C-alpha atoms as a PDB file:
ATOM      1  CA  UNK A   1     -37.478-144.108  21.404  1.00  0.00           C
ATOM      2  CA  UNK A   2     -37.572-147.526  19.830  1.00  0.00           C
ATOM      3  CA  UNK A   3     -39.474-148.019  16.611  1.00  0.00           C
ATOM      4  CA  UNK A   4     -40.207-150.602  14.000  1.00  0.00           C
ATOM      5  CA  UNK A   5     -41.811-150.397  10.558  1.00  0.00           C
ATOM      6  CA  UNK A   6     -42.597-153.376   8.338  1.00  0.00           C
ATOM      7  CA  UNK A   7     -44.193-154.106   5.003  1.00  0.00           C
ATOM      8  CA  UNK A   8     -45.674-157.496   4.103  1.00  0.00           C
ATOM      9  CA  UNK A   9     -45.135-158.978   0.621  1.00  0.00           C
ATOM     10  CA  UNK A  10     -48.816-158.213  -0.052  1.00  0.00           C
ATOM     11  CA  UNK A  11     -48.107-154.524   0.562  1.00  0.00           C
ATOM     12  CA  UNK A  12     -49.681-154.287   4.024  1.00  0.00           C
ATOM     13  CA  UNK A  13     -47.697-152.047   6.351  1.00  0.00           C
ATOM     14  CA  UNK A  14     -47.473-151.777  10.114  1.00  0.00           C
ATOM     15  CA  UNK A  15     -45.491-149.593  12.475  1.00  0.00           C
ATOM     16  CA  UNK A  16     -44.994-149.401  16.226  1.00  0.00           C
ATOM     17  CA  UNK A  17     -42.909-147.410  18.648  1.00  0.00           C
ATOM     18  CA  UNK A  18     -42.077-147.378  22.296  1.00  0.00           C
ATOM     19  CA  UNK A  19     -40.204-145.082  24.580  1.00  0.00           C
ATOM     20  CA  UNK A  20     -36.752-146.565  24.945  1.00  0.00           C
ATOM     21  CA  UNK A  21     -35.476-144.075  27.481  1.00  0.00           C
ATOM     22  CA  UNK A  22     -32.022-142.563  27.190  1.00  0.00           C
ATOM     23  CA  UNK A  23     -28.621-144.199  27.260  1.00  0.00           C
ATOM     24  CA  UNK A  24     -26.523-143.405  30.318  1.00  0.00           C
ATOM     25  CA  UNK A  25     -29.558-141.931  32.047  1.00  0.00           C
ATOM     26  CA  UNK A  26     -29.361-140.550  35.561  1.00  0.00           C
ATOM     27  CA  UNK A  27     -29.807-142.997  38.427  1.00  0.00           C
ATOM     28  CA  UNK A  28     -33.482-143.349  39.233  1.00  0.00           C
ATOM     29  CA  UNK A  29     -34.714-142.196  35.832  1.00  0.00           C
ATOM     30  CA  UNK A  30     -37.210-144.756  34.575  1.00  0.00           C
ATOM     31  CA  UNK A  31     -37.884-143.654  31.004  1.00  0.00           C
ATOM     32  CA  UNK A  32     -38.729-140.977  28.509  1.00  0.00           C
ATOM     33  CA  UNK A  33     -42.050-140.149  26.891  1.00  0.00           C
ATOM     34  CA  UNK A  34     -42.882-138.599  23.498  1.00  0.00           C
ATOM     35  CA  UNK A  35     -45.230-136.031  25.027  1.00  0.00           C
ATOM     36  CA  UNK A  36     -44.738-132.280  24.788  1.00  0.00           C
ATOM     37  CA  UNK A  37     -42.638-131.119  27.716  1.00  0.00           C
ATOM     38  CA  UNK A  38     -41.815-134.657  28.812  1.00  0.00           C
ATOM     39  CA  UNK A  39     -38.578-135.573  27.073  1.00  0.00           C
ATOM     40  CA  UNK A  40     -36.552-136.118  23.943  1.00  0.00           C
ATOM     41  CA  UNK A  41     -39.593-137.115  21.852  1.00  0.00           C
ATOM     42  CA  UNK A  42     -40.910-133.543  21.991  1.00  0.00           C
ATOM     43  CA  UNK A  43     -39.104-132.442  18.816  1.00  0.00           C
ATOM     44  CA  UNK A  44     -40.643-135.270  16.800  1.00  0.00           C
ATOM     45  CA  UNK A  45     -44.179-134.636  18.079  1.00  0.00           C
ATOM     46  CA  UNK A  46     -44.021-130.842  17.658  1.00  0.00           C
ATOM     47  CA  UNK A  47     -42.570-130.999  14.157  1.00  0.00           C
ATOM     48  CA  UNK A  48     -45.001-133.644  12.821  1.00  0.00           C
ATOM     49  CA  UNK A  49     -41.957-135.137  11.143  1.00  0.00           C
ATOM     50  CA  UNK A  50     -43.617-138.098   9.426  1.00  0.00           C
ATOM     51  CA  UNK A  51     -46.263-135.796   7.942  1.00  0.00           C
ATOM     52  CA  UNK A  52     -43.533-133.523   6.589  1.00  0.00           C
ATOM     53  CA  UNK A  53     -41.719-136.457   4.971  1.00  0.00           C
ATOM     54  CA  UNK A  54     -44.949-137.483   3.252  1.00  0.00           C
ATOM     55  CA  UNK A  55     -45.604-133.917   2.074  1.00  0.00           C
ATOM     56  CA  UNK A  56     -42.082-133.537   0.654  1.00  0.00           C
ATOM     57  CA  UNK A  57     -42.538-136.775  -1.276  1.00  0.00           C
ATOM     58  CA  UNK A  58     -45.951-135.760  -2.570  1.00  0.00           C
ATOM     59  CA  UNK A  59     -45.413-132.079  -3.381  1.00  0.00           C
ATOM     60  CA  UNK A  60     -41.742-132.062  -4.377  1.00  0.00           C
ATOM     61  CA  UNK A  61     -41.656-135.497  -5.989  1.00  0.00           C
ATOM     62  CA  UNK A  62     -38.797-136.568  -3.717  1.00  0.00           C
ATOM     63  CA  UNK A  63     -37.923-140.169  -3.026  1.00  0.00           C
ATOM     64  CA  UNK A  64     -38.153-141.555   0.492  1.00  0.00           C
ATOM     65  CA  UNK A  65     -34.481-141.083   1.437  1.00  0.00           C
ATOM     66  CA  UNK A  66     -34.328-137.602  -0.093  1.00  0.00           C
ATOM     67  CA  UNK A  67     -37.455-136.548   1.827  1.00  0.00           C
ATOM     68  CA  UNK A  68     -36.065-137.887   5.108  1.00  0.00           C
ATOM     69  CA  UNK A  69     -32.735-136.145   4.575  1.00  0.00           C
ATOM     70  CA  UNK A  70     -34.475-132.845   3.863  1.00  0.00           C
ATOM     71  CA  UNK A  71     -36.821-133.024   6.837  1.00  0.00           C
ATOM     72  CA  UNK A  72     -34.212-134.130   9.366  1.00  0.00           C
ATOM     73  CA  UNK A  73     -31.666-131.492   8.299  1.00  0.00           C
ATOM     74  CA  UNK A  74     -33.840-128.573   7.186  1.00  0.00           C
ATOM     75  CA  UNK A  75     -37.149-128.794   9.066  1.00  0.00           C
ATOM     76  CA  UNK A  76     -36.109-129.421  12.663  1.00  0.00           C
ATOM     77  CA  UNK A  77     -34.848-126.551  14.734  1.00  0.00           C
ATOM     78  CA  UNK A  78     -34.610-128.305  18.091  1.00  0.00           C
ATOM     79  CA  UNK A  79     -33.889-131.688  19.562  1.00  0.00           C
ATOM     80  CA  UNK A  80     -31.881-134.665  18.448  1.00  0.00           C
ATOM     81  CA  UNK A  81     -33.932-137.113  16.426  1.00  0.00           C
ATOM     82  CA  UNK A  82     -33.774-140.031  14.083  1.00  0.00           C
ATOM     83  CA  UNK A  83     -36.262-141.424  11.630  1.00  0.00           C
ATOM     84  CA  UNK A  84     -36.562-144.860  10.069  1.00  0.00           C
ATOM     85  CA  UNK A  85     -39.150-145.399   7.326  1.00  0.00           C
ATOM     86  CA  UNK A  86     -40.204-148.179   5.002  1.00  0.00           C
ATOM     87  CA  UNK A  87     -41.981-147.656   1.698  1.00  0.00           C
ATOM     88  CA  UNK A  88     -44.894-149.721   0.395  1.00  0.00           C
ATOM     89  CA  UNK A  89     -42.399-151.634  -1.727  1.00  0.00           C
ATOM     90  CA  UNK A  90     -40.195-152.471   1.269  1.00  0.00           C
ATOM     91  CA  UNK A  91     -37.432-149.910   0.654  1.00  0.00           C
ATOM     92  CA  UNK A  92     -35.886-148.816   3.959  1.00  0.00           C
ATOM     93  CA  UNK A  93     -34.535-145.309   4.520  1.00  0.00           C
ATOM     94  CA  UNK A  94     -33.296-143.503   7.617  1.00  0.00           C
ATOM     95  CA  UNK A  95     -31.729-140.267   8.790  1.00  0.00           C
ATOM     96  CA  UNK A  96     -30.697-138.617  12.044  1.00  0.00           C
ATOM     97  CA  UNK A  97     -29.156-135.387  13.315  1.00  0.00           C
ATOM     98  CA  UNK A  98     -27.103-136.693  16.228  1.00  0.00           C
ATOM     99  CA  UNK A  99     -24.066-138.872  16.809  1.00  0.00           C
ATOM    100  CA  UNK A 100     -25.578-141.637  18.942  1.00  0.00           C
ATOM    101  CA  UNK A 101     -28.397-142.991  16.808  1.00  0.00           C
ATOM    102  CA  UNK A 102     -28.538-146.766  16.484  1.00  0.00           C
ATOM    103  CA  UNK A 103     -30.472-148.335  13.630  1.00  0.00           C
ATOM    104  CA  UNK A 104     -30.691-151.578  11.779  1.00  0.00           C
ATOM    105  CA  UNK A 105     -32.725-153.278   9.129  1.00  0.00           C
ATOM    106  CA  UNK A 106     -33.539-156.755   7.957  1.00  0.00           C
ATOM    107  CA  UNK A 107     -34.894-157.703   4.594  1.00  0.00           C
ATOM    108  CA  UNK A 108     -36.918-160.889   4.701  1.00  0.00           C
ATOM    109  CA  UNK A 109     -39.696-161.996   2.414  1.00  0.00           C
ATOM    110  CA  UNK A 110     -42.613-163.600   4.259  1.00  0.00           C
END
């Protein structure tokens, strides 16, 4: 999976994602899809991970990074996943439960 989340200086947010496939995939494999039963994205879809992060922030009063850490480590019981999020104020947080997760961020005021 490949994802991107941004927040404009006016507070408008946008997010997008695409199936990025798997590194070192088998010859002939053309991709991966976040549909139940169709690949690595299944754990994210089945767990409604983003909804859980929001609920932890709302009901427990957790900050963004704390909520991500809790959900990635305590809420998922299958699959290897990563999550990158951006708050309405532009704060970036991320977490993952595997060894091969690549992430990056760029802070730029537009």
